[in-house]
Amino acid sequence: MRAPKFEVHRPQMLAAAMLLLFVAQCLWVVHHQTLTGLDYQYARCGRELWERPSPLAGYLTSCGNINDGTFAYRAAGLPLTLERILLGQPSGISTWEMHHLAGDVLLLLRLPFILFGVWLGGGIWWVSRRLYGNEGGFLVLTLYCFSPEMIRACVRPNNEILAAWGLYGALYTAIGLAHAMQGPKRKWRPRLLLLTVALGLTATAHVAAAILGLLLALGFMLYLAEDRRAQVIPVLAMAAAGGFLILMAFYAFRLDALSYVFQSGDARMWVGWQGGLHMMMSLPNAGITIAALSATAIYLFHPRSRYFGNTAPLIVAILLLTLETTGVRSEPWIWALPFLLTFIGGVFADMLESRQRRMFLWLTGAAVVAQVTLTLVSLPFLIS
């Protein structure tokens, strides 16, 4: 099968420029940050997982009983381990000694999370542009690149940006798989592999996010698969089984170590408004909040906006904004933001094709200018 051809034209170059602006903001914040005790915890534990993989002992002692997933620890520790190997440093050297002997430890710790943020932004733009055209795609990408919450998630070691990346990829891969299942298996098998990887990596960040992703994928695929609905559950079962193997691999295939994730209640969830409400009421997010409220009003009162491409991200965004994990601390509103921005882009793109185009051009421009301005002003507050 011939691989799809990727061509770089003006839209791709503009998207790359937007993502570079996102990286520039992240690097500015990182440049003004200092190493904290939490940084050393992620660095030390992550290095141990790569250099001395003894999960059961590590999770109960030096790693402080990890219960929210090892993905962030491995991501934080990998650059430090690679630097140690490339510089020929002994395996027993501590992270504190590495800080004095070589490299910018702070940047190395943040770099994987910035890269996943860029990857997520590129994925959001690609999905939105395919669904809503250039106008919708670039509106979504601009709001994403100037979202204080996304920048904050990329400039500190954490599992939230990784869960957001995995959940968004898993659900839109599942939607693409449901469409592809109408054709021959050779066309949808690659999507099944991608879905497996996405679910597995999401689970290594937050088991709760992976469970939600699996349930939502089931609902969306049953809706879209039509005459292939009988195949949906077996296909998702294969993806879930493969994802579980990936989760086990992150725990070195030690079931006793993996059991601590479930004993900690990582998968427990309940209804909670505080996190999502705090984010939406925060002044630096005012542009996104105004755009979200406007898009919701249009969706409710303008029938043309009510179709699957807009409804699916709205359902996911509402679910995640009204959710909290009760077993371990997490930030589901960060998982929700990519879907909320996708919904905004879809509704505004519809209205930009209507008779009210001029009015919505002004509204779109005002929301973008407000969000960009507020984000740039708020960058110093993201340093701590």
Protein backbone atom coordinates (compact mmCIF):
# COMPACT_ATOMS: atom_id res chain seq x y z
CA MET A 1 0.00 0.00 0.00
CA ARG A 2 1.42 3.36 -1.00
CA ALA A 3 2.03 5.71 1.91
CA PRO A 4 0.01 8.94 1.91
CA LYS A 5 1.93 11.87 0.45
CA PHE A 6 2.43 14.85 2.73
CA GLU A 7 2.91 18.13 0.90
CA VAL A 8 3.94 21.43 2.44
CA HIS A 9 2.01 24.44 1.17
CA ARG A 10 1.06 27.81 2.63
CA PRO A 11 -1.44 26.40 5.20
CA GLN A 12 1.16 23.97 6.55
CA MET A 13 3.77 26.74 6.78
CA LEU A 14 1.35 29.06 8.58
CA ALA A 15 0.44 26.27 11.02
CA ALA A 16 4.14 25.63 11.66
CA ALA A 17 4.66 29.34 12.33
CA MET A 18 1.80 29.35 14.84
CA LEU A 19 3.24 26.34 16.63
CA LEU A 20 6.64 28.05 16.76
CA LEU A 21 4.95 30.96 18.55
CA PHE A 22 3.55 28.42 21.01
CA VAL A 23 7.03 26.98 21.57
CA ALA A 24 8.48 30.48 22.00
CA GLN A 25 6.00 31.24 24.79
CA CYS A 26 6.79 27.94 26.51
CA LEU A 27 10.54 28.53 26.27
CA TRP A 28 10.17 32.06 27.67
CA VAL A 29 8.38 30.69 30.71
CA VAL A 30 10.92 27.87 31.14
CA HIS A 31 13.80 30.36 30.88
CA HIS A 32 12.43 32.23 33.89
CA GLN A 33 11.68 29.13 35.98
CA THR A 34 13.89 27.47 38.59
CA LEU A 35 14.22 23.82 39.53
CA THR A 36 11.89 22.66 42.29
CA GLY A 37 11.68 19.64 44.53
CA LEU A 38 8.92 18.24 42.32
CA ASP A 39 11.23 18.52 39.29
CA TYR A 40 13.85 16.44 41.07
CA GLN A 41 11.24 13.87 42.04
CA TYR A 42 10.17 13.42 38.41
CA ALA A 43 13.77 13.43 37.20
CA ARG A 44 15.05 10.97 39.81
CA CYS A 45 12.12 8.60 39.47
CA GLY A 46 12.09 8.80 35.67
CA ARG A 47 15.79 8.01 35.48
CA GLU A 48 15.35 5.05 37.79
CA LEU A 49 12.57 3.66 35.61
CA TRP A 50 14.92 3.75 32.60
CA GLU A 51 18.28 2.97 34.22
CA ARG A 52 17.32 0.67 37.10
CA PRO A 53 13.88 -0.71 36.25
CA SER A 54 12.75 -2.30 39.50
CA PRO A 55 9.15 -1.05 39.58
CA LEU A 56 7.89 -2.56 42.83
CA ALA A 57 10.78 -1.28 44.91
CA GLY A 58 10.89 2.05 43.08
CA TYR A 59 7.23 2.93 43.47
CA LEU A 60 7.23 2.28 47.19
CA THR A 61 10.50 4.03 48.06
CA SER A 62 12.39 6.55 45.95
CA CYS A 63 9.52 7.25 43.57
CA GLY A 64 7.09 7.97 46.36
CA ASN A 65 4.39 5.45 45.39
CA ILE A 66 3.39 6.52 41.87
CA ASN A 67 -0.36 6.17 41.43
CA ASP A 68 -1.26 8.46 38.54
CA GLY A 69 0.72 6.80 35.75
CA THR A 70 4.37 6.47 34.81
CA PHE A 71 4.24 8.24 31.43
CA ALA A 72 5.22 11.67 32.79
CA TYR A 73 8.04 10.21 34.89
CA ARG A 74 9.47 8.30 31.95
CA ALA A 75 9.09 11.36 29.69
CA ALA A 76 10.88 13.58 32.22
CA GLY A 77 13.67 11.09 32.86
CA LEU A 78 14.42 9.99 29.29
CA PRO A 79 16.33 13.12 28.12
CA LEU A 80 18.45 13.04 31.27
CA THR A 81 19.25 9.36 30.80
CA LEU A 82 20.14 9.90 27.13
CA GLU A 83 22.36 12.86 28.01
CA ARG A 84 24.15 10.80 30.67
CA ILE A 85 24.81 8.03 28.15
CA LEU A 86 25.97 10.41 25.39
CA LEU A 87 28.33 12.22 27.78
CA GLY A 88 29.69 8.94 29.14
CA GLN A 89 28.70 9.70 32.73
CA PRO A 90 28.45 6.82 35.24
CA SER A 91 25.01 5.35 35.89
CA GLY A 92 25.22 6.15 39.60
CA ILE A 93 25.49 9.92 39.11
CA SER A 94 22.63 11.75 40.78
CA THR A 95 20.31 14.24 39.10
CA TRP A 96 21.70 16.94 41.37
CA GLU A 97 25.24 16.16 40.17
CA MET A 98 24.03 16.19 36.54
CA HIS A 99 22.65 19.68 37.16
CA HIS A 100 26.19 20.89 37.97
CA LEU A 101 28.12 18.87 35.41
CA ALA A 102 26.25 19.05 32.14
CA GLY A 103 23.42 20.56 30.19
CA ASP A 104 20.33 22.52 31.08
CA VAL A 105 18.45 20.07 33.30
CA LEU A 106 15.45 22.39 33.55
CA LEU A 107 14.99 22.56 29.77
CA LEU A 108 15.58 18.82 29.38
CA LEU A 109 12.85 18.14 31.94
CA ARG A 110 10.36 20.41 30.16
CA LEU A 111 11.24 19.56 26.57
CA PRO A 112 9.22 16.31 26.25
CA PHE A 113 6.07 18.03 27.51
CA ILE A 114 6.54 20.99 25.14
CA LEU A 115 6.97 18.54 22.25
CA PHE A 116 3.76 16.71 23.16
CA GLY A 117 2.02 20.09 23.36
CA VAL A 118 3.21 20.89 19.84
CA TRP A 119 2.12 17.44 18.66
CA LEU A 120 -1.33 17.95 20.17
CA GLY A 121 -1.62 21.40 18.58
CA GLY A 122 -0.68 20.00 15.19
CA GLY A 123 -3.23 17.21 15.60
CA ILE A 124 -5.98 19.65 16.55
CA TRP A 125 -5.22 21.81 13.51
CA TRP A 126 -5.16 18.80 11.18
CA VAL A 127 -8.50 17.46 12.46
CA SER A 128 -10.20 20.87 12.51
CA ARG A 129 -8.95 21.82 9.05
CA ARG A 130 -10.22 18.58 7.57
CA LEU A 131 -13.61 19.05 9.24
CA TYR A 132 -14.12 22.80 8.94
CA GLY A 133 -11.68 24.13 6.35
CA ASN A 134 -8.85 26.63 6.75
CA GLU A 135 -10.84 29.25 8.67
CA GLY A 136 -12.03 26.81 11.31
CA GLY A 137 -8.66 25.10 11.53
CA PHE A 138 -6.65 28.28 12.06
CA LEU A 139 -9.14 29.69 14.56
CA VAL A 140 -8.74 26.53 16.65
CA LEU A 141 -4.95 26.55 16.33
CA THR A 142 -4.68 30.24 17.29
CA LEU A 143 -6.80 29.77 20.42
CA TYR A 144 -4.77 26.68 21.29
CA CYS A 145 -1.39 28.37 20.83
CA PHE A 146 -2.50 31.27 23.03
CA SER A 147 -4.18 29.23 25.75
CA PRO A 148 -2.59 29.82 29.17
CA GLU A 149 -3.81 26.43 30.39
CA MET A 150 -2.07 24.57 27.57
CA ILE A 151 1.14 26.57 28.04
CA ARG A 152 1.04 25.91 31.78
CA ALA A 153 0.60 22.18 31.14
CA CYS A 154 3.67 22.14 28.87
CA VAL A 155 6.12 23.94 31.18
CA ARG A 156 6.07 21.51 34.11
CA PRO A 157 6.38 17.72 34.42
CA ASN A 158 2.84 16.33 34.58
CA ASN A 159 0.57 13.69 33.11
CA GLU A 160 -2.22 16.10 32.06
CA ILE A 161 -0.80 17.21 28.70
CA LEU A 162 0.04 13.57 27.92
CA ALA A 163 -3.50 12.42 28.77
CA ALA A 164 -4.97 15.27 26.69
CA TRP A 165 -2.78 14.29 23.74
CA GLY A 166 -3.70 10.62 24.03
CA LEU A 167 -7.43 11.12 24.57
CA TYR A 168 -7.84 13.52 21.63
CA GLY A 169 -5.90 11.22 19.36
CA ALA A 170 -7.77 8.12 20.52
CA LEU A 171 -11.25 9.56 19.94
CA TYR A 172 -10.60 11.05 16.52
CA THR A 173 -8.73 7.91 15.47
CA ALA A 174 -11.78 5.89 16.59
CA ILE A 175 -14.07 8.15 14.54
CA GLY A 176 -11.80 7.73 11.51
CA LEU A 177 -11.72 3.97 12.09
CA ALA A 178 -15.52 3.81 12.14
CA HIS A 179 -15.64 5.53 8.75
CA ALA A 180 -12.86 3.31 7.37
CA MET A 181 -14.65 0.14 8.48
CA GLN A 182 -17.10 0.73 5.63
CA GLY A 183 -14.25 -0.25 3.30
CA PRO A 184 -11.75 -3.13 3.05
CA LYS A 185 -9.77 -4.20 6.14
CA ARG A 186 -6.44 -3.18 4.64
CA LYS A 187 -7.57 0.44 4.89
CA TRP A 188 -8.67 0.40 8.50
CA ARG A 189 -6.03 -1.82 10.07
CA PRO A 190 -3.48 1.06 10.36
CA ARG A 191 -6.11 3.11 12.20
CA LEU A 192 -6.71 0.20 14.56
CA LEU A 193 -3.00 0.12 15.35
CA LEU A 194 -3.00 3.88 16.01
CA LEU A 195 -6.05 3.54 18.26
CA THR A 196 -4.31 0.78 20.22
CA VAL A 197 -1.22 2.91 20.78
CA ALA A 198 -3.30 5.98 21.70
CA LEU A 199 -5.38 4.09 24.26
CA GLY A 200 -2.30 2.44 25.75
CA LEU A 201 -0.34 5.66 26.13
CA THR A 202 -3.38 7.46 27.52
CA ALA A 203 -3.68 4.74 30.16
CA THR A 204 -0.03 5.17 31.12
CA ALA A 205 -0.80 8.82 31.87
CA HIS A 206 -4.24 8.45 33.50
CA VAL A 207 -6.26 5.24 33.63
CA ALA A 208 -9.43 7.34 34.06
CA ALA A 209 -8.80 9.13 30.75
CA ALA A 210 -8.28 5.81 28.94
CA ILE A 211 -11.51 4.35 30.36
CA LEU A 212 -13.44 7.43 29.26
CA GLY A 213 -11.79 7.29 25.86
CA LEU A 214 -12.77 3.65 25.40
CA LEU A 215 -16.41 4.26 26.38
CA LEU A 216 -16.74 7.36 24.19
CA ALA A 217 -15.05 5.59 21.28
CA LEU A 218 -17.59 2.78 21.63
CA GLY A 219 -20.51 5.21 21.48
CA PHE A 220 -19.18 7.19 18.52
CA MET A 221 -18.21 4.09 16.55
CA LEU A 222 -21.59 2.40 17.10
CA TYR A 223 -23.25 5.58 15.82
CA LEU A 224 -21.05 5.86 12.73
CA ALA A 225 -20.40 2.24 11.75
CA GLU A 226 -23.98 1.63 10.48
CA ASP A 227 -24.03 -1.83 8.87
CA ARG A 228 -20.66 -2.75 10.45
CA ARG A 229 -21.83 -2.25 14.05
CA ALA A 230 -21.39 -5.94 14.85
CA GLN A 231 -17.63 -5.52 14.30
CA VAL A 232 -17.22 -2.52 16.58
CA ILE A 233 -16.99 -4.37 19.90
CA PRO A 234 -14.46 -6.99 18.66
CA VAL A 235 -12.35 -4.22 17.10
CA LEU A 236 -12.38 -2.16 20.29
CA ALA A 237 -11.64 -5.27 22.34
CA MET A 238 -8.47 -5.80 20.30
CA ALA A 239 -7.49 -2.15 20.77
CA ALA A 240 -8.15 -2.36 24.52
CA ALA A 241 -6.11 -5.57 24.84
CA GLY A 242 -3.20 -4.03 22.97
CA GLY A 243 -3.47 -0.88 25.06
CA PHE A 244 -3.31 -2.94 28.24
CA LEU A 245 -0.10 -4.57 27.02
CA ILE A 246 1.39 -1.09 26.49
CA LEU A 247 0.32 -0.15 30.02
CA MET A 248 2.00 -3.29 31.38
CA ALA A 249 5.17 -2.51 29.41
CA PHE A 250 5.44 0.85 31.18
CA TYR A 251 5.44 -1.13 34.45
CA ALA A 252 8.05 -3.58 33.12
CA PHE A 253 5.33 -6.27 32.91
CA ARG A 254 5.14 -6.44 36.70
CA LEU A 255 1.52 -7.01 37.71
CA ASP A 256 2.35 -6.39 41.37
CA ALA A 257 3.61 -2.91 40.49
CA LEU A 258 0.69 -2.24 38.14
CA SER A 259 -1.75 -3.18 40.91
CA TYR A 260 -0.83 -0.02 42.83
CA VAL A 261 -2.45 2.10 40.13
CA PHE A 262 -5.82 0.45 40.67
CA GLN A 263 -5.45 0.23 44.45
CA SER A 264 -4.87 3.98 44.54
CA GLY A 265 -8.22 4.61 42.89
CA ASP A 266 -6.70 6.22 39.78
CA ALA A 267 -9.76 5.15 37.78
CA ARG A 268 -12.36 6.63 40.16
CA MET A 269 -14.34 9.58 38.80
CA TRP A 270 -17.29 11.71 39.87
CA VAL A 271 -19.16 14.84 38.87
CA GLY A 272 -17.34 18.05 39.77
CA TRP A 273 -17.57 21.59 38.44
CA GLN A 274 -14.84 23.37 40.35
CA GLY A 275 -11.89 22.85 38.02
CA GLY A 276 -13.72 23.56 34.77
CA LEU A 277 -15.59 26.52 36.25
CA HIS A 278 -12.38 28.01 37.63
CA MET A 279 -10.73 27.74 34.22
CA MET A 280 -13.67 29.30 32.37
CA MET A 281 -13.95 32.13 34.90
CA SER A 282 -10.23 32.93 34.82
CA LEU A 283 -9.45 36.29 33.18
CA PRO A 284 -6.54 34.98 31.02
CA ASN A 285 -9.02 32.54 29.41
CA ALA A 286 -11.66 35.20 28.73
CA GLY A 287 -11.32 35.06 24.94
CA ILE A 288 -11.85 31.30 24.90
CA THR A 289 -14.74 31.59 27.37
CA ILE A 290 -16.53 34.22 25.28
CA ALA A 291 -16.00 32.16 22.12
CA ALA A 292 -17.25 29.01 23.87
CA LEU A 293 -20.41 30.70 25.17
CA SER A 294 -21.09 32.25 21.76
CA ALA A 295 -20.58 28.91 20.00
CA THR A 296 -22.90 27.15 22.47
CA ALA A 297 -25.64 29.73 21.92
CA ILE A 298 -25.31 29.41 18.16
CA TYR A 299 -25.39 25.62 18.41
CA LEU A 300 -28.61 25.72 20.45
CA PHE A 301 -30.46 28.22 18.27
CA HIS A 302 -29.00 27.64 14.80
CA PRO A 303 -29.96 24.20 13.38
CA ARG A 304 -27.25 24.33 10.73
CA SER A 305 -24.59 23.94 13.45
CA ARG A 306 -26.09 20.77 14.92
CA TYR A 307 -24.34 17.89 13.17
CA PHE A 308 -21.95 15.15 14.27
CA GLY A 309 -18.75 17.09 13.54
CA ASN A 310 -19.77 19.74 16.08
CA THR A 311 -21.77 17.55 18.46
CA ALA A 312 -19.04 14.99 19.17
CA PRO A 313 -16.43 17.46 20.55
CA LEU A 314 -19.17 19.31 22.46
CA ILE A 315 -20.25 16.10 24.22
CA VAL A 316 -16.68 15.26 25.20
CA ALA A 317 -15.91 18.82 26.34
CA ILE A 318 -19.01 19.02 28.55
CA LEU A 319 -18.28 15.61 30.06
CA LEU A 320 -14.68 16.45 30.91
CA LEU A 321 -15.44 19.96 32.19
CA THR A 322 -17.95 18.50 34.65
CA LEU A 323 -15.72 15.68 35.85
CA GLU A 324 -13.21 15.17 38.61
CA THR A 325 -11.09 12.19 39.54
CA THR A 326 -11.61 11.18 43.16
CA GLY A 327 -8.79 8.65 43.49
CA VAL A 328 -5.83 10.86 42.53
CA ARG A 329 -5.51 14.53 41.69
CA SER A 330 -5.83 15.38 38.02
CA GLU A 331 -7.03 18.22 35.81
CA PRO A 332 -9.68 16.94 33.37
CA TRP A 333 -10.36 20.48 32.16
CA ILE A 334 -7.01 20.33 30.38
CA TRP A 335 -8.17 17.15 28.64
CA ALA A 336 -11.37 19.03 27.71
CA LEU A 337 -9.75 22.08 26.12
CA PRO A 338 -8.78 20.49 22.76
CA PHE A 339 -12.36 19.30 22.27
CA LEU A 340 -13.82 22.64 23.35
CA LEU A 341 -11.60 24.49 20.89
CA THR A 342 -12.54 22.06 18.13
CA PHE A 343 -16.24 22.72 18.83
CA ILE A 344 -15.66 26.50 18.73
CA GLY A 345 -13.84 26.21 15.41
CA GLY A 346 -16.63 24.15 13.87
CA VAL A 347 -19.47 26.46 14.88
CA PHE A 348 -17.64 29.64 13.91
CA ALA A 349 -16.62 28.12 10.56
CA ASP A 350 -20.29 27.39 9.85
CA MET A 351 -21.29 30.97 10.63
CA LEU A 352 -18.44 32.38 8.53
CA GLU A 353 -20.11 30.68 5.56
CA SER A 354 -23.51 32.20 6.34
CA ARG A 355 -25.08 35.56 5.50
CA GLN A 356 -23.83 36.91 8.83
CA ARG A 357 -20.20 36.40 7.77
CA ARG A 358 -19.17 40.03 8.30
CA MET A 359 -20.55 40.16 11.83
CA PHE A 360 -18.87 36.87 12.75
CA LEU A 361 -15.59 38.00 11.27
CA TRP A 362 -15.65 40.87 13.77
CA LEU A 363 -16.66 38.53 16.61
CA THR A 364 -13.96 36.01 15.70
CA GLY A 365 -11.32 38.70 15.40
CA ALA A 366 -12.29 40.25 18.74
CA ALA A 367 -12.14 36.88 20.53
CA VAL A 368 -8.73 36.07 19.00
CA VAL A 369 -7.23 39.49 19.77
CA ALA A 370 -8.54 39.35 23.34
CA GLN A 371 -7.17 35.85 23.92
CA VAL A 372 -3.76 36.61 22.41
CA THR A 373 -3.42 39.81 24.45
CA LEU A 374 -4.52 38.23 27.73
CA THR A 375 -2.21 35.24 27.25
CA LEU A 376 0.86 37.37 26.55
CA VAL A 377 0.10 39.52 29.59
CA SER A 378 -0.40 36.45 31.80
CA LEU A 379 2.85 34.68 30.84
CA PRO A 380 4.78 36.01 33.88
CA PHE A 381 2.15 34.44 36.15
CA LEU A 382 2.83 31.00 34.63
CA ILE A 383 6.45 30.97 35.82
CA SER A 384 5.76 29.67 39.33
